[in-house]
PDB file of all heavy atoms in Angstrom:
ATOM      1  N   ALA A   1      34.781  29.367  59.345  1.00  0.00           N
ATOM      2  CA  ALA A   1      34.806  30.095  60.621  1.00  0.00           C
ATOM      3  C   ALA A   1      33.964  29.407  61.698  1.00  0.00           C
ATOM      4  O   ALA A   1      34.078  29.744  62.877  1.00  0.00           O
ATOM      5  CB  ALA A   1      34.310  31.521  60.415  1.00  0.00           C
ATOM      6  N   THR A   2      33.133  28.444  61.293  1.00  0.00           N
ATOM      7  CA  THR A   2      32.291  27.740  62.271  1.00  0.00           C
ATOM      8  C   THR A   2      32.998  26.563  62.932  1.00  0.00           C
ATOM      9  O   THR A   2      32.465  25.985  63.881  1.00  0.00           O
ATOM     10  CB  THR A   2      31.006  27.204  61.605  1.00  0.00           C
ATOM     11  OG1 THR A   2      31.344  26.178  60.642  1.00  0.00           O
ATOM     12  CG2 THR A   2      30.227  28.323  60.919  1.00  0.00           C
ATOM     13  N   VAL A   3      34.174  26.207  62.452  1.00  0.00           N
ATOM     14  CA  VAL A   3      34.852  25.010  62.967  1.00  0.00           C
ATOM     15  C   VAL A   3      35.215  25.163  64.447  1.00  0.00           C
ATOM     16  O   VAL A   3      34.850  24.315  65.275  1.00  0.00           O
ATOM     17  CB  VAL A   3      36.102  24.670  62.123  1.00  0.00           C
ATOM     18  CG1 VAL A   3      36.925  23.585  62.823  1.00  0.00           C
ATOM     19  CG2 VAL A   3      35.679  24.184  60.740  1.00  0.00           C
ATOM     20  N   ASP A   4      35.939  26.210  64.794  1.00  0.00           N
ATOM     21  CA  ASP A   4      36.317  26.409  66.197  1.00  0.00           C
ATOM     22  C   ASP A   4      35.096  26.539  67.108  1.00  0.00           C
ATOM     23  O   ASP A   4      35.067  25.949  68.201  1.00  0.00           O
ATOM     24  CB  ASP A   4      37.230  27.624  66.346  1.00  0.00           C
ATOM     25  CG  ASP A   4      38.660  27.326  65.921  1.00  0.00           C
ATOM     26  OD1 ASP A   4      39.001  26.121  65.794  1.00  0.00           O
ATOM     27  OD2 ASP A   4      39.435  28.277  65.718  1.00  0.00           O
ATOM     28  N   PRO A   5      34.053  27.300  66.705  1.00  0.00           N
ATOM     29  CA  PRO A   5      32.861  27.372  67.550  1.00  0.00           C
ATOM     30  C   PRO A   5      32.184  26.023  67.793  1.00  0.00           C
ATOM     31  O   PRO A   5      31.770  25.736  68.921  1.00  0.00           O
ATOM     32  CB  PRO A   5      31.947  28.321  66.775  1.00  0.00           C
ATOM     33  CG  PRO A   5      32.884  29.230  66.059  1.00  0.00           C
ATOM     34  CD  PRO A   5      34.022  28.332  65.646  1.00  0.00           C
ATOM     35  N   ILE A   6      32.091  25.179  66.770  1.00  0.00           N
ATOM     36  CA  ILE A   6      31.425  23.893  66.983  1.00  0.00           C
ATOM     37  C   ILE A   6      32.280  22.994  67.880  1.00  0.00           C
ATOM     38  O   ILE A   6      31.750  22.234  68.701  1.00  0.00           O
ATOM     39  CB  ILE A   6      31.071  23.190  65.641  1.00  0.00           C
ATOM     40  CG1 ILE A   6      29.996  22.105  65.871  1.00  0.00           C
ATOM     41  CG2 ILE A   6      32.275  22.559  64.990  1.00  0.00           C
ATOM     42  CD1 ILE A   6      28.648  22.633  66.250  1.00  0.00           C
ATOM     43  N   LEU A   7      33.600  23.091  67.772  1.00  0.00           N
ATOM     44  CA  LEU A   7      34.481  22.328  68.656  1.00  0.00           C
ATOM     45  C   LEU A   7      34.313  22.785  70.107  1.00  0.00           C
ATOM     46  O   LEU A   7      34.283  21.962  71.027  1.00  0.00           O
ATOM     47  CB  LEU A   7      35.944  22.474  68.224  1.00  0.00           C
ATOM     48  CG  LEU A   7      36.329  21.880  66.870  1.00  0.00           C
ATOM     49  CD1 LEU A   7      37.802  22.129  66.575  1.00  0.00           C
ATOM     50  CD2 LEU A   7      36.033  20.388  66.800  1.00  0.00           C
ATOM     51  N   LYS A   8      34.166  24.090  70.302  1.00  0.00           N
ATOM     52  CA  LYS A   8      33.969  24.620  71.656  1.00  0.00           C
ATOM     53  C   LYS A   8      32.655  24.130  72.254  1.00  0.00           C
ATOM     54  O   LYS A   8      32.573  23.808  73.445  1.00  0.00           O
ATOM     55  CB  LYS A   8      34.000  26.148  71.638  1.00  0.00           C
ATOM     56  CG  LYS A   8      35.390  26.732  71.431  1.00  0.00           C
ATOM     57  CD  LYS A   8      35.368  28.252  71.413  1.00  0.00           C
ATOM     58  CE  LYS A   8      36.773  28.807  71.180  1.00  0.00           C
ATOM     59  NZ  LYS A   8      36.779  30.289  71.085  1.00  0.00           N
ATOM     60  N   VAL A   9      31.615  24.075  71.436  1.00  0.00           N
ATOM     61  CA  VAL A   9      30.313  23.593  71.909  1.00  0.00           C
ATOM     62  C   VAL A   9      30.414  22.123  72.315  1.00  0.00           C
ATOM     63  O   VAL A   9      29.931  21.717  73.382  1.00  0.00           O
ATOM     64  CB  VAL A   9      29.236  23.762  70.818  1.00  0.00           C
ATOM     65  CG1 VAL A   9      27.934  23.091  71.234  1.00  0.00           C
ATOM     66  CG2 VAL A   9      28.992  25.240  70.548  1.00  0.00           C
ATOM     67  N   VAL A  10      31.046  21.325  71.474  1.00  0.00           N
ATOM     68  CA  VAL A  10      31.191  19.890  71.757  1.00  0.00           C
ATOM     69  C   VAL A  10      32.022  19.655  73.012  1.00  0.00           C
ATOM     70  O   VAL A  10      31.750  18.736  73.790  1.00  0.00           O
ATOM     71  CB  VAL A  10      31.820  19.174  70.537  1.00  0.00           C
ATOM     72  CG1 VAL A  10      32.306  17.788  70.903  1.00  0.00           C
ATOM     73  CG2 VAL A  10      30.798  19.095  69.397  1.00  0.00           C
ATOM     74  N   ASP A  11      33.026  20.487  73.231  1.00  0.00           N
ATOM     75  CA  ASP A  11      33.942  20.294  74.359  1.00  0.00           C
ATOM     76  C   ASP A  11      33.447  20.911  75.665  1.00  0.00           C
ATOM     77  O   ASP A  11      34.013  20.652  76.728  1.00  0.00           O
ATOM     78  CB  ASP A  11      35.316  20.885  74.021  1.00  0.00           C
ATOM     79  CG  ASP A  11      36.032  20.113  72.933  1.00  0.00           C
ATOM     80  OD1 ASP A  11      35.659  18.945  72.685  1.00  0.00           O
ATOM     81  OD2 ASP A  11      36.955  20.679  72.314  1.00  0.00           O
ATOM     82  N   SER A  12      32.394  21.698  75.598  1.00  0.00           N
ATOM     83  CA  SER A  12      31.914  22.393  76.794  1.00  0.00           C
ATOM     84  C   SER A  12      31.280  21.430  77.791  1.00  0.00           C
ATOM     85  O   SER A  12      30.493  20.556  77.417  1.00  0.00           O
ATOM     86  CB  SER A  12      30.898  23.469  76.409  1.00  0.00           C
ATOM     87  OG  SER A  12      30.345  24.059  77.567  1.00  0.00           O
ATOM     88  N   SER A  13      31.600  21.611  79.069  1.00  0.00           N
ATOM     89  CA  SER A  13      30.970  20.809  80.116  1.00  0.00           C
ATOM     90  C   SER A  13      29.602  21.370  80.490  1.00  0.00           C
ATOM     91  O   SER A  13      28.802  20.695  81.142  1.00  0.00           O
ATOM     92  CB  SER A  13      31.861  20.779  81.372  1.00  0.00           C
ATOM     93  OG  SER A  13      32.088  22.104  81.850  1.00  0.00           O
ATOM     94  N   ASN A  14      29.337  22.600  80.061  1.00  0.00           N
ATOM     95  CA  ASN A  14      28.044  23.229  80.328  1.00  0.00           C
ATOM     96  C   ASN A  14      27.602  23.993  79.080  1.00  0.00           C
ATOM     97  O   ASN A  14      27.564  25.225  79.069  1.00  0.00           O
ATOM     98  CB  ASN A  14      28.153  24.176  81.531  1.00  0.00           C
ATOM     99  CG  ASN A  14      26.814  24.760  81.927  1.00  0.00           C
ATOM    100  OD1 ASN A  14      25.755  24.145  81.726  1.00  0.00           O
ATOM    101  ND2 ASN A  14      26.834  25.966  82.468  1.00  0.00           N
ATOM    102  N   PRO A  15      27.245  23.262  78.022  1.00  0.00           N
ATOM    103  CA  PRO A  15      26.925  23.920  76.757  1.00  0.00           C
ATOM    104  C   PRO A  15      25.616  24.692  76.826  1.00  0.00           C
ATOM    105  O   PRO A  15      24.725  24.343  77.611  1.00  0.00           O
ATOM    106  CB  PRO A  15      26.819  22.741  75.774  1.00  0.00           C
ATOM    107  CG  PRO A  15      26.414  21.587  76.628  1.00  0.00           C
ATOM    108  CD  PRO A  15      27.116  21.799  77.940  1.00  0.00           C
ATOM    109  N   PRO A  16      25.481  25.729  76.003  1.00  0.00           N
ATOM    110  CA  PRO A  16      24.251  26.533  76.016  1.00  0.00           C
ATOM    111  C   PRO A  16      23.105  25.793  75.334  1.00  0.00           C
ATOM    112  O   PRO A  16      23.326  24.915  74.496  1.00  0.00           O
ATOM    113  CB  PRO A  16      24.643  27.774  75.210  1.00  0.00           C
ATOM    114  CG  PRO A  16      25.671  27.261  74.242  1.00  0.00           C
ATOM    115  CD  PRO A  16      26.449  26.219  75.002  1.00  0.00           C
ATOM    116  N   LEU A  17      21.886  26.163  75.683  1.00  0.00           N
ATOM    117  CA  LEU A  17      20.723  25.618  74.972  1.00  0.00           C
ATOM    118  C   LEU A  17      20.667  26.179  73.561  1.00  0.00           C
ATOM    119  O   LEU A  17      20.348  25.459  72.611  1.00  0.00           O
ATOM    120  CB  LEU A  17      19.427  25.964  75.720  1.00  0.00           C
ATOM    121  CG  LEU A  17      18.120  25.589  75.002  1.00  0.00           C
ATOM    122  CD1 LEU A  17      18.034  24.091  74.758  1.00  0.00           C
ATOM    123  CD2 LEU A  17      16.920  26.087  75.789  1.00  0.00           C
ATOM    124  N   ARG A  18      20.986  27.473  73.435  1.00  0.00           N
ATOM    125  CA  ARG A  18      20.963  28.121  72.122  1.00  0.00           C
ATOM    126  C   ARG A  18      22.281  28.846  71.882  1.00  0.00           C
ATOM    127  O   ARG A  18      22.834  29.447  72.787  1.00  0.00           O
ATOM    128  CB  ARG A  18      19.819  29.138  72.032  1.00  0.00           C
ATOM    129  CG  ARG A  18      18.445  28.509  71.927  1.00  0.00           C
ATOM    130  CD  ARG A  18      17.367  29.571  71.713  1.00  0.00           C
ATOM    131  NE  ARG A  18      16.115  28.954  71.330  1.00  0.00           N
ATOM    132  CZ  ARG A  18      15.226  28.480  72.210  1.00  0.00           C
ATOM    133  NH1 ARG A  18      15.467  28.577  73.503  1.00  0.00           N
ATOM    134  NH2 ARG A  18      14.102  27.927  71.777  1.00  0.00           N
ATOM    135  N   LEU A  19      22.739  28.801  70.623  1.00  0.00           N
ATOM    136  CA  LEU A  19      23.952  29.534  70.259  1.00  0.00           C
ATOM    137  C   LEU A  19      23.825  30.016  68.824  1.00  0.00           C
ATOM    138  O   LEU A  19      23.740  29.208  67.889  1.00  0.00           O
ATOM    139  CB  LEU A  19      25.190  28.640  70.409  1.00  0.00           C
ATOM    140  CG  LEU A  19      26.525  29.315  70.083  1.00  0.00           C
ATOM    141  CD1 LEU A  19      26.797  30.490  71.019  1.00  0.00           C
ATOM    142  CD2 LEU A  19      27.664  28.308  70.158  1.00  0.00           C
ATOM    143  N   LEU A  20      23.791  31.326  68.653  1.00  0.00           N
ATOM    144  CA  LEU A  20      23.742  31.918  67.323  1.00  0.00           C
ATOM    145  C   LEU A  20      25.111  31.823  66.663  1.00  0.00           C
ATOM    146  O   LEU A  20      26.132  32.021  67.307  1.00  0.00           O
ATOM    147  CB  LEU A  20      23.313  33.383  67.419  1.00  0.00           C
ATOM    148  CG  LEU A  20      21.906  33.633  67.962  1.00  0.00           C
ATOM    149  CD1 LEU A  20      21.743  35.105  68.341  1.00  0.00           C
ATOM    150  CD2 LEU A  20      20.852  33.233  66.938  1.00  0.00           C
ATOM    151  N   PHE A  21      25.121  31.529  65.375  1.00  0.00           N
ATOM    152  CA  PHE A  21      26.350  31.511  64.581  1.00  0.00           C
ATOM    153  C   PHE A  21      26.256  32.634  63.552  1.00  0.00           C
ATOM    154  O   PHE A  21      25.422  32.580  62.644  1.00  0.00           O
ATOM    155  CB  PHE A  21      26.516  30.169  63.850  1.00  0.00           C
ATOM    156  CG  PHE A  21      27.273  29.116  64.612  1.00  0.00           C
ATOM    157  CD1 PHE A  21      27.428  29.181  65.989  1.00  0.00           C
ATOM    158  CD2 PHE A  21      27.820  28.020  63.947  1.00  0.00           C
ATOM    159  CE1 PHE A  21      28.117  28.198  66.693  1.00  0.00           C
ATOM    160  CE2 PHE A  21      28.515  27.032  64.639  1.00  0.00           C
ATOM    161  CZ  PHE A  21      28.664  27.119  66.010  1.00  0.00           C
ATOM    162  N   GLY A  22      27.108  33.639  63.683  1.00  0.00           N
ATOM    163  CA  GLY A  22      27.189  34.689  62.675  1.00  0.00           C
ATOM    164  C   GLY A  22      26.704  36.032  63.168  1.00  0.00           C
ATOM    165  O   GLY A  22      25.803  36.131  63.995  1.00  0.00           O
ATOM    166  N   LYS A  23      27.318  37.097  62.641  1.00  0.00           N
ATOM    167  CA  LYS A  23      26.992  38.452  63.091  1.00  0.00           C
ATOM    168  C   LYS A  23      25.607  38.888  62.634  1.00  0.00           C
ATOM    169  O   LYS A  23      24.950  39.689  63.318  1.00  0.00           O
ATOM    170  CB  LYS A  23      28.061  39.435  62.622  1.00  0.00           C
ATOM    171  CG  LYS A  23      28.176  39.617  61.110  1.00  0.00           C
ATOM    172  CD  LYS A  23      29.293  40.603  60.757  1.00  0.00           C
ATOM    173  CE  LYS A  23      29.380  40.830  59.262  1.00  0.00           C
ATOM    174  NZ  LYS A  23      30.479  41.760  58.903  1.00  0.00           N
ATOM    175  N   VAL A  24      25.137  38.385  61.493  1.00  0.00           N
ATOM    176  CA  VAL A  24      23.786  38.726  61.031  1.00  0.00           C
ATOM    177  C   VAL A  24      22.754  38.118  61.974  1.00  0.00           C
ATOM    178  O   VAL A  24      21.799  38.779  62.394  1.00  0.00           O
ATOM    179  CB  VAL A  24      23.559  38.245  59.585  1.00  0.00           C
ATOM    180  CG1 VAL A  24      22.104  38.450  59.171  1.00  0.00           C
ATOM    181  CG2 VAL A  24      24.489  38.989  58.629  1.00  0.00           C
ATOM    182  N   ALA A  25      22.946  36.841  62.307  1.00  0.00           N
ATOM    183  CA  ALA A  25      22.034  36.180  63.240  1.00  0.00           C
ATOM    184  C   ALA A  25      21.979  36.932  64.560  1.00  0.00           C
ATOM    185  O   ALA A  25      20.894  37.184  65.106  1.00  0.00           O
ATOM    186  CB  ALA A  25      22.481  34.730  63.467  1.00  0.00           C
ATOM    187  N   TYR A  26      23.135  37.301  65.076  1.00  0.00           N
ATOM    188  CA  TYR A  26      23.187  37.993  66.367  1.00  0.00           C
ATOM    189  C   TYR A  26      22.424  39.311  66.323  1.00  0.00           C
ATOM    190  O   TYR A  26      21.578  39.590  67.173  1.00  0.00           O
ATOM    191  CB  TYR A  26      24.640  38.242  66.773  1.00  0.00           C
ATOM    192  CG  TYR A  26      24.766  39.060  68.038  1.00  0.00           C
ATOM    193  CD1 TYR A  26      24.627  38.469  69.291  1.00  0.00           C
ATOM    194  CD2 TYR A  26      24.990  40.431  67.971  1.00  0.00           C
ATOM    195  CE1 TYR A  26      24.718  39.225  70.448  1.00  0.00           C
ATOM    196  CE2 TYR A  26      25.076  41.196  69.123  1.00  0.00           C
ATOM    197  CZ  TYR A  26      24.945  40.585  70.358  1.00  0.00           C
ATOM    198  OH  TYR A  26      25.020  41.340  71.496  1.00  0.00           O
ATOM    199  N   SER A  27      22.714  40.151  65.328  1.00  0.00           N
ATOM    200  CA  SER A  27      22.114  41.487  65.288  1.00  0.00           C
ATOM    201  C   SER A  27      20.626  41.437  64.974  1.00  0.00           C
ATOM    202  O   SER A  27      19.829  42.162  65.589  1.00  0.00           O
ATOM    203  CB  SER A  27      22.845  42.368  64.265  1.00  0.00           C
ATOM    204  OG  SER A  27      22.747  41.819  62.968  1.00  0.00           O
ATOM    205  N   VAL A  28      20.226  40.568  64.049  1.00  0.00           N
ATOM    206  CA  VAL A  28      18.808  40.486  63.671  1.00  0.00           C
ATOM    207  C   VAL A  28      17.965  39.946  64.818  1.00  0.00           C
ATOM    208  O   VAL A  28      16.918  40.507  65.155  1.00  0.00           O
ATOM    209  CB  VAL A  28      18.631  39.609  62.408  1.00  0.00           C
ATOM    210  CG1 VAL A  28      17.156  39.319  62.166  1.00  0.00           C
ATOM    211  CG2 VAL A  28      19.235  40.301  61.192  1.00  0.00           C
ATOM    212  N   VAL A  29      18.410  38.856  65.434  1.00  0.00           N
ATOM    213  CA  VAL A  29      17.640  38.263  66.528  1.00  0.00           C
ATOM    214  C   VAL A  29      17.547  39.232  67.701  1.00  0.00           C
ATOM    215  O   VAL A  29      16.485  39.400  68.313  1.00  0.00           O
ATOM    216  CB  VAL A  29      18.249  36.915  66.964  1.00  0.00           C
ATOM    217  CG1 VAL A  29      17.591  36.409  68.249  1.00  0.00           C
ATOM    218  CG2 VAL A  29      18.088  35.890  65.845  1.00  0.00           C
ATOM    219  N   LYS A  30      18.639  39.902  68.022  1.00  0.00           N
ATOM    220  CA  LYS A  30      18.629  40.868  69.126  1.00  0.00           C
ATOM    221  C   LYS A  30      17.614  41.982  68.873  1.00  0.00           C
ATOM    222  O   LYS A  30      16.820  42.350  69.760  1.00  0.00           O
ATOM    223  CB  LYS A  30      20.030  41.456  69.305  1.00  0.00           C
ATOM    224  CG  LYS A  30      20.150  42.398  70.498  1.00  0.00           C
ATOM    225  CD  LYS A  30      21.573  42.924  70.623  1.00  0.00           C
ATOM    226  CE  LYS A  30      21.695  43.883  71.805  1.00  0.00           C
ATOM    227  NZ  LYS A  30      23.053  44.451  71.929  1.00  0.00           N
ATOM    228  N   ASP A  31      17.596  42.519  67.656  1.00  0.00           N
ATOM    229  CA  ASP A  31      16.674  43.609  67.319  1.00  0.00           C
ATOM    230  C   ASP A  31      15.220  43.136  67.334  1.00  0.00           C
ATOM    231  O   ASP A  31      14.338  43.830  67.856  1.00  0.00           O
ATOM    232  CB  ASP A  31      17.015  44.189  65.947  1.00  0.00           C
ATOM    233  CG  ASP A  31      18.313  44.986  65.947  1.00  0.00           C
ATOM    234  OD1 ASP A  31      18.823  45.287  67.048  1.00  0.00           O
ATOM    235  OD2 ASP A  31      18.821  45.280  64.847  1.00  0.00           O
ATOM    236  N   VAL A  32      14.968  41.968  66.748  1.00  0.00           N
ATOM    237  CA  VAL A  32      13.595  41.457  66.678  1.00  0.00           C
ATOM    238  C   VAL A  32      13.056  41.155  68.072  1.00  0.00           C
ATOM    239  O   VAL A  32      11.899  41.463  68.384  1.00  0.00           O
ATOM    240  CB  VAL A  32      13.520  40.209  65.775  1.00  0.00           C
ATOM    241  CG1 VAL A  32      12.164  39.520  65.917  1.00  0.00           C
ATOM    242  CG2 VAL A  32      13.762  40.593  64.322  1.00  0.00           C
ATOM    243  N   TYR A  33      13.884  40.604  68.937  1.00  0.00           N
ATOM    244  CA  TYR A  33      13.422  40.296  70.293  1.00  0.00           C
ATOM    245  C   TYR A  33      13.153  41.574  71.088  1.00  0.00           C
ATOM    246  O   TYR A  33      12.215  41.616  71.899  1.00  0.00           O
ATOM    247  CB  TYR A  33      14.425  39.395  71.000  1.00  0.00           C
ATOM    248  CG  TYR A  33      14.101  37.932  70.817  1.00  0.00           C
ATOM    249  CD1 TYR A  33      14.162  37.344  69.557  1.00  0.00           C
ATOM    250  CD2 TYR A  33      13.699  37.148  71.887  1.00  0.00           C
ATOM    251  CE1 TYR A  33      13.836  36.023  69.360  1.00  0.00           C
ATOM    252  CE2 TYR A  33      13.375  35.809  71.707  1.00  0.00           C
ATOM    253  CZ  TYR A  33      13.443  35.244  70.448  1.00  0.00           C
ATOM    254  OH  TYR A  33      13.106  33.940  70.257  1.00  0.00           O
ATOM    255  N   ALA A  34      13.931  42.616  70.855  1.00  0.00           N
ATOM    256  CA  ALA A  34      13.664  43.891  71.511  1.00  0.00           C
ATOM    257  C   ALA A  34      12.311  44.443  71.074  1.00  0.00           C
ATOM    258  O   ALA A  34      11.530  44.958  71.897  1.00  0.00           O
ATOM    259  CB  ALA A  34      14.775  44.888  71.186  1.00  0.00           C
ATOM    260  N   GLN A  35      12.005  44.321  69.772  1.00  0.00           N
ATOM    261  CA  GLN A  35      10.718  44.773  69.251  1.00  0.00           C
ATOM    262  C   GLN A  35       9.569  43.940  69.829  1.00  0.00           C
ATOM    263  O   GLN A  35       8.502  44.475  70.158  1.00  0.00           O
ATOM    264  CB  GLN A  35      10.712  44.687  67.726  1.00  0.00           C
ATOM    265  CG  GLN A  35      11.667  45.651  67.044  1.00  0.00           C
ATOM    266  CD  GLN A  35      11.895  45.314  65.580  1.00  0.00           C
ATOM    267  OE1 GLN A  35      11.127  44.579  64.968  1.00  0.00           O
ATOM    268  NE2 GLN A  35      12.968  45.845  65.022  1.00  0.00           N
ATOM    269  N   ARG A  36       9.782  42.639  69.976  1.00  0.00           N
ATOM    270  CA  ARG A  36       8.740  41.773  70.537  1.00  0.00           C
ATOM    271  C   ARG A  36       8.446  42.136  71.985  1.00  0.00           C
ATOM    272  O   ARG A  36       7.285  42.187  72.402  1.00  0.00           O
ATOM    273  CB  ARG A  36       9.169  40.306  70.436  1.00  0.00           C
ATOM    274  CG  ARG A  36       9.120  39.751  69.024  1.00  0.00           C
ATOM    275  CD  ARG A  36       9.606  38.319  68.972  1.00  0.00           C
ATOM    276  NE  ARG A  36       9.597  37.814  67.606  1.00  0.00           N
ATOM    277  CZ  ARG A  36      10.092  36.646  67.228  1.00  0.00           C
ATOM    278  NH1 ARG A  36      10.668  35.853  68.136  1.00  0.00           N
ATOM    279  NH2 ARG A  36      10.037  36.266  65.971  1.00  0.00           N
ATOM    280  N   LEU A  37       9.488  42.377  72.753  1.00  0.00           N
ATOM    281  CA  LEU A  37       9.295  42.751  74.157  1.00  0.00           C
ATOM    282  C   LEU A  37       8.561  44.083  74.269  1.00  0.00           C
ATOM    283  O   LEU A  37       7.691  44.258  75.134  1.00  0.00           O
ATOM    284  CB  LEU A  37      10.648  42.819  74.872  1.00  0.00           C
ATOM    285  CG  LEU A  37      11.313  41.478  75.165  1.00  0.00           C
ATOM    286  CD1 LEU A  37      12.743  41.686  75.664  1.00  0.00           C
ATOM    287  CD2 LEU A  37      10.510  40.686  76.194  1.00  0.00           C
ATOM    288  N   ALA A  38       8.894  45.014  73.386  1.00  0.00           N
ATOM    289  CA  ALA A  38       8.216  46.310  73.396  1.00  0.00           C
ATOM    290  C   ALA A  38       6.728  46.147  73.081  1.00  0.00           C
ATOM    291  O   ALA A  38       5.867  46.781  73.706  1.00  0.00           O
ATOM    292  CB  ALA A  38       8.875  47.258  72.394  1.00  0.00           C
ATOM    293  N   SER A  39       6.420  45.293  72.121  1.00  0.00           N
ATOM    294  CA  SER A  39       5.022  45.045  71.756  1.00  0.00           C
ATOM    295  C   SER A  39       4.264  44.356  72.882  1.00  0.00           C
ATOM    296  O   SER A  39       3.095  44.667  73.148  1.00  0.00           O
ATOM    297  CB  SER A  39       4.962  44.181  70.483  1.00  0.00           C
ATOM    298  OG  SER A  39       3.625  43.922  70.114  1.00  0.00           O
ATOM    299  N   ILE A  40       4.925  43.437  73.574  1.00  0.00           N
ATOM    300  CA  ILE A  40       4.307  42.755  74.723  1.00  0.00           C
ATOM    301  C   ILE A  40       3.928  43.769  75.798  1.00  0.00           C
ATOM    302  O   ILE A  40       2.829  43.729  76.361  1.00  0.00           O
ATOM    303  CB  ILE A  40       5.261  41.688  75.288  1.00  0.00           C
ATOM    304  CG1 ILE A  40       5.341  40.486  74.338  1.00  0.00           C
ATOM    305  CG2 ILE A  40       4.815  41.233  76.682  1.00  0.00           C
ATOM    306  CD1 ILE A  40       6.425  39.495  74.683  1.00  0.00           C
TER     307      ILE A  40
END
């Protein structure tokens, strides 16, 4: 499932600095960053 995403990154004229791969990465990082901002 990572094949098409990596091709899109390589072909992008304006690629992102960071790109999460996978629904676990997305949900966990989003939740942890919300907790960090709250603590700040």
